[in-house]
C-alpha atoms as a PDB file:
ATOM      1  CA  MET A   1      -2.283 -11.142-115.277  1.00  0.00           C
ATOM      2  CA  VAL A   2      -4.400 -10.495-112.180  1.00  0.00           C
ATOM      3  CA  LYS A   3      -8.083 -11.128-112.835  1.00  0.00           C
ATOM      4  CA  VAL A   4     -10.418  -8.256-112.020  1.00  0.00           C
ATOM      5  CA  PRO A   5     -14.203  -8.400-111.471  1.00  0.00           C
ATOM      6  CA  ARG A   6     -16.329  -8.367-114.632  1.00  0.00           C
ATOM      7  CA  LEU A   7     -19.138  -5.913-114.048  1.00  0.00           C
ATOM      8  CA  TYR A   8     -22.783  -6.004-115.092  1.00  0.00           C
ATOM      9  CA  LEU A   9     -24.113  -2.486-115.653  1.00  0.00           C
ATOM     10  CA  ASN A  10     -27.599  -1.606-114.454  1.00  0.00           C
ATOM     11  CA  HIS A  11     -28.691   1.940-115.316  1.00  0.00           C
ATOM     12  CA  ILE A  12     -31.967   3.035-113.676  1.00  0.00           C
ATOM     13  CA  ALA A  13     -32.797   6.319-115.360  1.00  0.00           C
ATOM     14  CA  ASP A  14     -35.886   7.205-113.306  1.00  0.00           C
ATOM     15  CA  LEU A  15     -33.880   6.881-110.071  1.00  0.00           C
ATOM     16  CA  ASP A  16     -30.718   8.333-111.659  1.00  0.00           C
ATOM     17  CA  TRP A  17     -28.594   5.397-110.483  1.00  0.00           C
ATOM     18  CA  LEU A  18     -25.763   3.454-112.062  1.00  0.00           C
ATOM     19  CA  ILE A  19     -25.112   0.088-110.409  1.00  0.00           C
ATOM     20  CA  ALA A  20     -21.988  -1.654-111.674  1.00  0.00           C
ATOM     21  CA  LEU A  21     -21.399  -4.948-109.886  1.00  0.00           C
ATOM     22  CA  GLU A  22     -19.730  -8.258-110.524  1.00  0.00           C
ATOM     23  CA  PHE A  23     -22.130 -10.429-112.527  1.00  0.00           C
ATOM     24  CA  GLY A  24     -24.595 -12.231-110.267  1.00  0.00           C
ATOM     25  CA  ARG A  25     -24.441  -9.675-107.432  1.00  0.00           C
ATOM     26  CA  VAL A  26     -27.061  -7.125-106.374  1.00  0.00           C
ATOM     27  CA  ASP A  27     -26.883  -3.886-104.410  1.00  0.00           C
ATOM     28  CA  ASP A  28     -30.118  -4.755-102.594  1.00  0.00           C
ATOM     29  CA  ALA A  29     -29.987  -5.850 -98.932  1.00  0.00           C
ATOM     30  CA  GLN A  30     -26.201  -5.983 -98.564  1.00  0.00           C
ATOM     31  CA  PRO A  31     -24.478  -5.934 -95.160  1.00  0.00           C
ATOM     32  CA  PRO A  32     -23.828  -2.244 -94.448  1.00  0.00           C
ATOM     33  CA  ASP A  33     -20.183  -2.928 -93.561  1.00  0.00           C
ATOM     34  CA  ASN A  34     -19.620  -4.231 -97.102  1.00  0.00           C
ATOM     35  CA  TRP A  35     -20.095  -0.729 -98.516  1.00  0.00           C
ATOM     36  CA  ARG A  36     -17.332   1.870 -98.525  1.00  0.00           C
ATOM     37  CA  GLY A  37     -18.374   5.393 -99.429  1.00  0.00           C
ATOM     38  CA  VAL A  38     -16.077   7.631-101.424  1.00  0.00           C
ATOM     39  CA  CYS A  39     -18.535  10.536-101.306  1.00  0.00           C
ATOM     40  CA  ASP A  40     -22.253  11.008-100.723  1.00  0.00           C
ATOM     41  CA  SER A  41     -23.127   9.713-104.187  1.00  0.00           C
ATOM     42  CA  PHE A  42     -20.452   7.066-104.865  1.00  0.00           C
ATOM     43  CA  GLY A  43     -19.611   3.884-102.999  1.00  0.00           C
ATOM     44  CA  PHE A  44     -17.659   0.682-103.586  1.00  0.00           C
ATOM     45  CA  LEU A  45     -19.142  -2.693-102.639  1.00  0.00           C
ATOM     46  CA  HIS A  46     -16.767  -5.240-101.085  1.00  0.00           C
ATOM     47  CA  ASP A  47     -17.313  -8.990-100.943  1.00  0.00           C
ATOM     48  CA  GLU A  48     -16.802  -8.728 -97.171  1.00  0.00           C
ATOM     49  CA  PRO A  49     -15.736  -5.933 -94.812  1.00  0.00           C
ATOM     50  CA  GLY A  50     -12.265  -4.925 -95.944  1.00  0.00           C
ATOM     51  CA  GLY A  51     -12.334  -7.512 -98.737  1.00  0.00           C
ATOM     52  CA  ARG A  52     -11.938  -7.076-102.465  1.00  0.00           C
ATOM     53  CA  GLU A  53     -14.046  -4.524-104.318  1.00  0.00           C
ATOM     54  CA  VAL A  54     -16.693  -6.203-106.478  1.00  0.00           C
ATOM     55  CA  GLY A  55     -18.152  -3.075-108.039  1.00  0.00           C
ATOM     56  CA  PHE A  56     -19.701   0.258-107.226  1.00  0.00           C
ATOM     57  CA  LYS A  57     -22.906   2.293-107.193  1.00  0.00           C
ATOM     58  CA  VAL A  58     -23.488   5.915-108.206  1.00  0.00           C
ATOM     59  CA  VAL A  59     -26.594   7.820-107.136  1.00  0.00           C
ATOM     60  CA  ASP A  60     -27.434  11.170-108.756  1.00  0.00           C
ATOM     61  CA  PHE A  61     -25.537   9.664-111.676  1.00  0.00           C
ATOM     62  CA  SER A  62     -26.340  12.431-114.166  1.00  0.00           C
ATOM     63  CA  ARG A  63     -24.972  15.080-111.785  1.00  0.00           C
ATOM     64  CA  PHE A  64     -22.001  13.132-110.463  1.00  0.00           C
ATOM     65  CA  ASP A  65     -18.697  14.844-111.249  1.00  0.00           C
ATOM     66  CA  PRO A  66     -15.985  12.205-111.750  1.00  0.00           C
ATOM     67  CA  ASP A  67     -13.332  14.923-111.952  1.00  0.00           C
ATOM     68  CA  ASP A  68     -14.045  16.282-108.473  1.00  0.00           C
ATOM     69  CA  PRO A  69     -10.824  15.965-106.402  1.00  0.00           C
ATOM     70  CA  GLU A  70     -12.949  14.458-103.609  1.00  0.00           C
ATOM     71  CA  VAL A  71     -13.417  11.307-105.702  1.00  0.00           C
ATOM     72  CA  ALA A  72      -9.872  10.986-107.067  1.00  0.00           C
ATOM     73  CA  GLU A  73      -9.869   7.374-105.848  1.00  0.00           C
ATOM     74  CA  ILE A  74     -12.194   6.345-108.684  1.00  0.00           C
ATOM     75  CA  TRP A  75      -9.307   7.020-111.098  1.00  0.00           C
ATOM     76  CA  ASN A  76      -6.468   5.418-109.139  1.00  0.00           C
ATOM     77  CA  GLY A  77      -8.326   2.791-107.115  1.00  0.00           C
ATOM     78  CA  PRO A  78      -9.485  -0.713-108.046  1.00  0.00           C
ATOM     79  CA  CYS A  79      -9.880  -1.742-111.670  1.00  0.00           C
ATOM     80  CA  PHE A  80     -12.696  -3.674-113.324  1.00  0.00           C
ATOM     81  CA  ASP A  81     -13.721  -5.187-116.631  1.00  0.00           C
ATOM     82  CA  ALA A  82     -16.905  -3.791-118.198  1.00  0.00           C
ATOM     83  CA  PRO A  83     -17.658  -6.056-121.176  1.00  0.00           C
ATOM     84  CA  VAL A  84     -20.740  -4.147-122.355  1.00  0.00           C
ATOM     85  CA  LEU A  85     -18.515  -1.067-122.703  1.00  0.00           C
ATOM     86  CA  GLY A  86     -15.626  -2.930-124.304  1.00  0.00           C
ATOM     87  CA  LEU A  87     -13.343  -2.011-121.401  1.00  0.00           C
ATOM     88  CA  ARG A  88     -10.843  -4.195-119.573  1.00  0.00           C
ATOM     89  CA  ALA A  89      -8.984  -3.530-116.324  1.00  0.00           C
ATOM     90  CA  VAL A  90      -9.993   0.120-116.053  1.00  0.00           C
ATOM     91  CA  PRO A  91     -10.786   2.254-112.978  1.00  0.00           C
ATOM     92  CA  ALA A  92     -14.326   3.155-112.016  1.00  0.00           C
ATOM     93  CA  GLY A  93     -13.988   6.694-113.364  1.00  0.00           C
ATOM     94  CA  GLU A  94     -13.498   5.431-116.895  1.00  0.00           C
ATOM     95  CA  ILE A  95     -16.543   3.179-116.573  1.00  0.00           C
ATOM     96  CA  VAL A  96     -18.655   6.103-115.352  1.00  0.00           C
ATOM     97  CA  LEU A  97     -17.776   8.208-118.409  1.00  0.00           C
ATOM     98  CA  ALA A  98     -18.287   5.364-120.879  1.00  0.00           C
ATOM     99  CA  ALA A  99     -21.607   4.387-119.287  1.00  0.00           C
ATOM    100  CA  ARG A 100     -22.898   7.939-119.667  1.00  0.00           C
ATOM    101  CA  ALA A 101     -22.036   7.875-123.341  1.00  0.00           C
ATOM    102  CA  LEU A 102     -23.664   4.456-123.839  1.00  0.00           C
ATOM    103  CA  PHE A 103     -26.910   4.908-121.890  1.00  0.00           C
ATOM    104  CA  GLY A 104     -27.504   8.649-122.035  1.00  0.00           C
ATOM    105  CA  GLU A 105     -30.924   9.290-120.471  1.00  0.00           C
ATOM    106  CA  HIS A 106     -32.146   5.737-121.115  1.00  0.00           C
ATOM    107  CA  SER A 107     -32.317   2.829-118.687  1.00  0.00           C
ATOM    108  CA  SER A 108     -30.501  -0.394-119.465  1.00  0.00           C
ATOM    109  CA  ILE A 109     -32.749  -3.015-121.101  1.00  0.00           C
ATOM    110  CA  ASN A 110     -33.168  -5.074-117.920  1.00  0.00           C
ATOM    111  CA  ARG A 111     -34.975  -2.158-116.279  1.00  0.00           C
ATOM    112  CA  HIS A 112     -37.605  -2.048-119.020  1.00  0.00           C
ATOM    113  CA  PHE A 113     -38.450  -5.677-118.296  1.00  0.00           C
ATOM    114  CA  PHE A 114     -38.234  -5.040-114.525  1.00  0.00           C
ATOM    115  CA  SER A 115     -40.649  -2.093-114.585  1.00  0.00           C
ATOM    116  CA  ALA A 116     -43.118  -3.926-116.815  1.00  0.00           C
ATOM    117  CA  ALA A 117     -42.984  -7.018-114.588  1.00  0.00           C
ATOM    118  CA  ILE A 118     -43.776  -4.968-111.474  1.00  0.00           C
ATOM    119  CA  ASP A 119     -47.007  -3.785-113.116  1.00  0.00           C
ATOM    120  CA  ALA A 120     -48.012  -7.205-114.485  1.00  0.00           C
ATOM    121  CA  GLU A 121     -49.601 -10.295-112.945  1.00  0.00           C
ATOM    122  CA  GLY A 122     -49.660 -14.040-113.446  1.00  0.00           C
ATOM    123  CA  GLU A 123     -48.194 -15.562-116.586  1.00  0.00           C
ATOM    124  CA  GLN A 124     -47.511 -12.141-118.090  1.00  0.00           C
ATOM    125  CA  ALA A 125     -45.429 -11.177-115.065  1.00  0.00           C
ATOM    126  CA  LEU A 126     -43.651 -14.522-115.201  1.00  0.00           C
ATOM    127  CA  GLY A 127     -42.574 -13.941-118.796  1.00  0.00           C
ATOM    128  CA  LEU A 128     -41.316 -10.461-118.020  1.00  0.00           C
ATOM    129  CA  TRP A 129     -39.362 -11.568-114.932  1.00  0.00           C
ATOM    130  CA  LEU A 130     -37.775 -14.338-117.004  1.00  0.00           C
ATOM    131  CA  ALA A 131     -36.810 -11.787-119.649  1.00  0.00           C
ATOM    132  CA  CYS A 132     -35.325  -9.537-116.953  1.00  0.00           C
ATOM    133  CA  LEU A 133     -33.307 -12.427-115.549  1.00  0.00           C
ATOM    134  CA  GLN A 134     -32.156 -13.481-119.009  1.00  0.00           C
ATOM    135  CA  ALA A 135     -31.097  -9.868-119.611  1.00  0.00           C
ATOM    136  CA  GLY A 136     -28.639 -10.438-116.787  1.00  0.00           C
ATOM    137  CA  ASP A 137     -30.361  -8.774-113.821  1.00  0.00           C
ATOM    138  CA  PRO A 138     -30.107 -11.035-110.742  1.00  0.00           C
ATOM    139  CA  MET A 139     -32.666  -8.918-108.868  1.00  0.00           C
ATOM    140  CA  ALA A 140     -35.234 -10.705-111.023  1.00  0.00           C
ATOM    141  CA  HIS A 141     -34.760 -13.846-108.913  1.00  0.00           C
ATOM    142  CA  PHE A 142     -36.941 -12.262-106.223  1.00  0.00           C
ATOM    143  CA  GLY A 143     -39.784 -11.191-108.514  1.00  0.00           C
ATOM    144  CA  LEU A 144     -39.611 -14.482-110.351  1.00  0.00           C
ATOM    145  CA  GLY A 145     -39.741 -16.342-107.044  1.00  0.00           C
ATOM    146  CA  TYR A 146     -42.860 -14.708-105.633  1.00  0.00           C
ATOM    147  CA  THR A 147     -44.586 -14.860-109.043  1.00  0.00           C
ATOM    148  CA  LEU A 148     -43.924 -18.595-109.317  1.00  0.00           C
ATOM    149  CA  TYR A 149     -45.210 -18.987-105.761  1.00  0.00           C
ATOM    150  CA  ASP A 150     -48.448 -17.189-106.632  1.00  0.00           C
ATOM    151  CA  LEU A 151     -48.817 -19.492-109.642  1.00  0.00           C
ATOM    152  CA  GLY A 152     -48.474 -22.546-107.398  1.00  0.00           C
ATOM    153  CA  ARG A 153     -45.103 -23.571-108.830  1.00  0.00           C
ATOM    154  CA  PHE A 154     -43.534 -23.961-105.404  1.00  0.00           C
ATOM    155  CA  PRO A 155     -40.334 -25.956-106.101  1.00  0.00           C
ATOM    156  CA  GLU A 156     -39.244 -23.423-108.727  1.00  0.00           C
ATOM    157  CA  ALA A 157     -40.194 -20.523-106.467  1.00  0.00           C
ATOM    158  CA  TYR A 158     -38.204 -22.044-103.621  1.00  0.00           C
ATOM    159  CA  ARG A 159     -35.070 -22.326-105.758  1.00  0.00           C
ATOM    160  CA  HIS A 160     -35.127 -18.677-106.866  1.00  0.00           C
ATOM    161  CA  LEU A 161     -36.070 -17.280-103.453  1.00  0.00           C
ATOM    162  CA  ARG A 162     -33.415 -19.309-101.680  1.00  0.00           C
ATOM    163  CA  HIS A 163     -30.803 -18.009-104.099  1.00  0.00           C
ATOM    164  CA  TYR A 164     -31.941 -14.440-103.528  1.00  0.00           C
ATOM    165  CA  THR A 165     -31.398 -14.666 -99.780  1.00  0.00           C
ATOM    166  CA  GLU A 166     -27.850 -15.793-100.565  1.00  0.00           C
ATOM    167  CA  ILE A 167     -27.071 -12.743-102.720  1.00  0.00           C
ATOM    168  CA  ALA A 168     -29.240 -10.232-100.773  1.00  0.00           C
ATOM    169  CA  PRO A 169     -28.985 -11.499 -97.188  1.00  0.00           C
ATOM    170  CA  CYS A 170     -30.153  -8.459 -95.235  1.00  0.00           C
ATOM    171  CA  GLY A 171     -33.684  -8.061 -96.613  1.00  0.00           C
ATOM    172  CA  SER A 172     -36.509  -9.070 -94.253  1.00  0.00           C
ATOM    173  CA  TRP A 173     -38.974  -9.664 -97.086  1.00  0.00           C
ATOM    174  CA  ASN A 174     -36.428 -11.841 -98.883  1.00  0.00           C
ATOM    175  CA  TRP A 175     -36.380 -14.216 -95.916  1.00  0.00           C
ATOM    176  CA  CYS A 176     -40.133 -14.044 -95.390  1.00  0.00           C
ATOM    177  CA  TRP A 177     -40.778 -15.140 -98.967  1.00  0.00           C
ATOM    178  CA  LEU A 178     -38.191 -17.891 -98.669  1.00  0.00           C
ATOM    179  CA  GLY A 179     -40.074 -19.097 -95.601  1.00  0.00           C
ATOM    180  CA  ARG A 180     -43.332 -19.225 -97.579  1.00  0.00           C
ATOM    181  CA  ALA A 181     -41.736 -21.233-100.378  1.00  0.00           C
ATOM    182  CA  ALA A 182     -39.871 -23.566 -98.021  1.00  0.00           C
ATOM    183  CA  GLU A 183     -43.095 -24.245 -96.134  1.00  0.00           C
ATOM    184  CA  ALA A 184     -44.916 -24.946 -99.404  1.00  0.00           C
ATOM    185  CA  VAL A 185     -42.401 -27.652-100.385  1.00  0.00           C
ATOM    186  CA  GLY A 186     -42.439 -29.260 -96.944  1.00  0.00           C
ATOM    187  CA  GLU A 187     -39.158 -27.848 -95.623  1.00  0.00           C
ATOM    188  CA  THR A 188     -40.691 -26.732 -92.348  1.00  0.00           C
ATOM    189  CA  ALA A 189     -37.435 -26.419 -90.405  1.00  0.00           C
ATOM    190  CA  GLU A 190     -35.996 -24.159 -93.085  1.00  0.00           C
ATOM    191  CA  ALA A 191     -39.249 -22.190 -93.199  1.00  0.00           C
ATOM    192  CA  ARG A 192     -39.106 -21.604 -89.443  1.00  0.00           C
ATOM    193  CA  ALA A 193     -35.475 -20.485 -89.655  1.00  0.00           C
ATOM    194  CA  ALA A 194     -36.321 -18.121 -92.516  1.00  0.00           C
ATOM    195  CA  TYR A 195     -39.230 -16.534 -90.647  1.00  0.00           C
ATOM    196  CA  GLU A 196     -37.042 -16.130 -87.563  1.00  0.00           C
ATOM    197  CA  ARG A 197     -34.340 -14.488 -89.658  1.00  0.00           C
ATOM    198  CA  ALA A 198     -36.928 -12.094 -91.121  1.00  0.00           C
ATOM    199  CA  LEU A 199     -37.983 -11.147 -87.593  1.00  0.00           C
ATOM    200  CA  GLU A 200     -34.360 -10.564 -86.553  1.00  0.00           C
ATOM    201  CA  LEU A 201     -33.912  -8.189 -89.471  1.00  0.00           C
ATOM    202  CA  GLU A 202     -37.153  -6.408 -88.574  1.00  0.00           C
ATOM    203  CA  ARG A 203     -35.875  -5.838 -85.047  1.00  0.00           C
ATOM    204  CA  ASP A 204     -32.677  -4.412 -86.536  1.00  0.00           C
ATOM    205  CA  GLY A 205     -34.676  -1.813 -88.449  1.00  0.00           C
ATOM    206  CA  GLY A 206     -35.754  -3.778 -91.506  1.00  0.00           C
ATOM    207  CA  GLU A 207     -39.158  -3.603 -93.157  1.00  0.00           C
ATOM    208  CA  GLU A 208     -42.061  -5.164 -91.288  1.00  0.00           C
ATOM    209  CA  THR A 209     -43.251  -8.419 -92.863  1.00  0.00           C
ATOM    210  CA  ASP A 210     -45.831 -11.163 -92.301  1.00  0.00           C
ATOM    211  CA  ALA A 211     -43.171 -13.372 -90.703  1.00  0.00           C
ATOM    212  CA  ALA A 212     -44.571 -13.268 -87.163  1.00  0.00           C
ATOM    213  CA  GLU A 213     -48.040 -14.338 -88.280  1.00  0.00           C
ATOM    214  CA  LEU A 214     -46.657 -17.007 -90.611  1.00  0.00           C
ATOM    215  CA  LEU A 215     -44.407 -18.381 -87.900  1.00  0.00           C
ATOM    216  CA  GLU A 216     -47.326 -18.559 -85.482  1.00  0.00           C
ATOM    217  CA  GLN A 217     -49.395 -20.425 -88.073  1.00  0.00           C
ATOM    218  CA  LEU A 218     -46.526 -22.807 -88.762  1.00  0.00           C
ATOM    219  CA  ASP A 219     -46.158 -23.657 -85.083  1.00  0.00           C
ATOM    220  CA  SER A 220     -49.879 -23.993 -84.381  1.00  0.00           C
END
């Protein structure tokens, strides 16, 4: 039997998003060419341009109509496993319907930890980011990384921030924070490369970061 991606479901009720991606992947900071839109509110994520589908994202999830002929592909396109729904080798349309029934108007548990961690500081934030990560949300690597950095736990911060640039490679702040952590553990060449990558992404339209100032300080 052909193996299909096993999806982790992330329901963000306040944004009205459903993100259903292969475990360990994030929708954040992905190469634009890896996304393939089916309609304005539904898109598949590929592991590379034209590669295999590794999940999908739905915005305006509560209003999305899976029976609209425009999105017929979600019923006859790629199949996925969704363990939390008890579904195996089913099309995206079936996952959408089952996810609505499971989550209703409530966010998935990872988002409760995520939101609380954003508003917390220090050791409290650390505990919440760990809970978010242990709930299966790989986006927590970033929050965990910068929190560990602020607590002076640089080797641990470096590990999480480096991993996040691997799974979310197009985020300028992701690379800027990796540069900070790499510099803190003495990996100056890697820090310089990370700051330079952050600046490249800024020039390509990414968010402005502290990378230029940090790079200047590193080279002074």
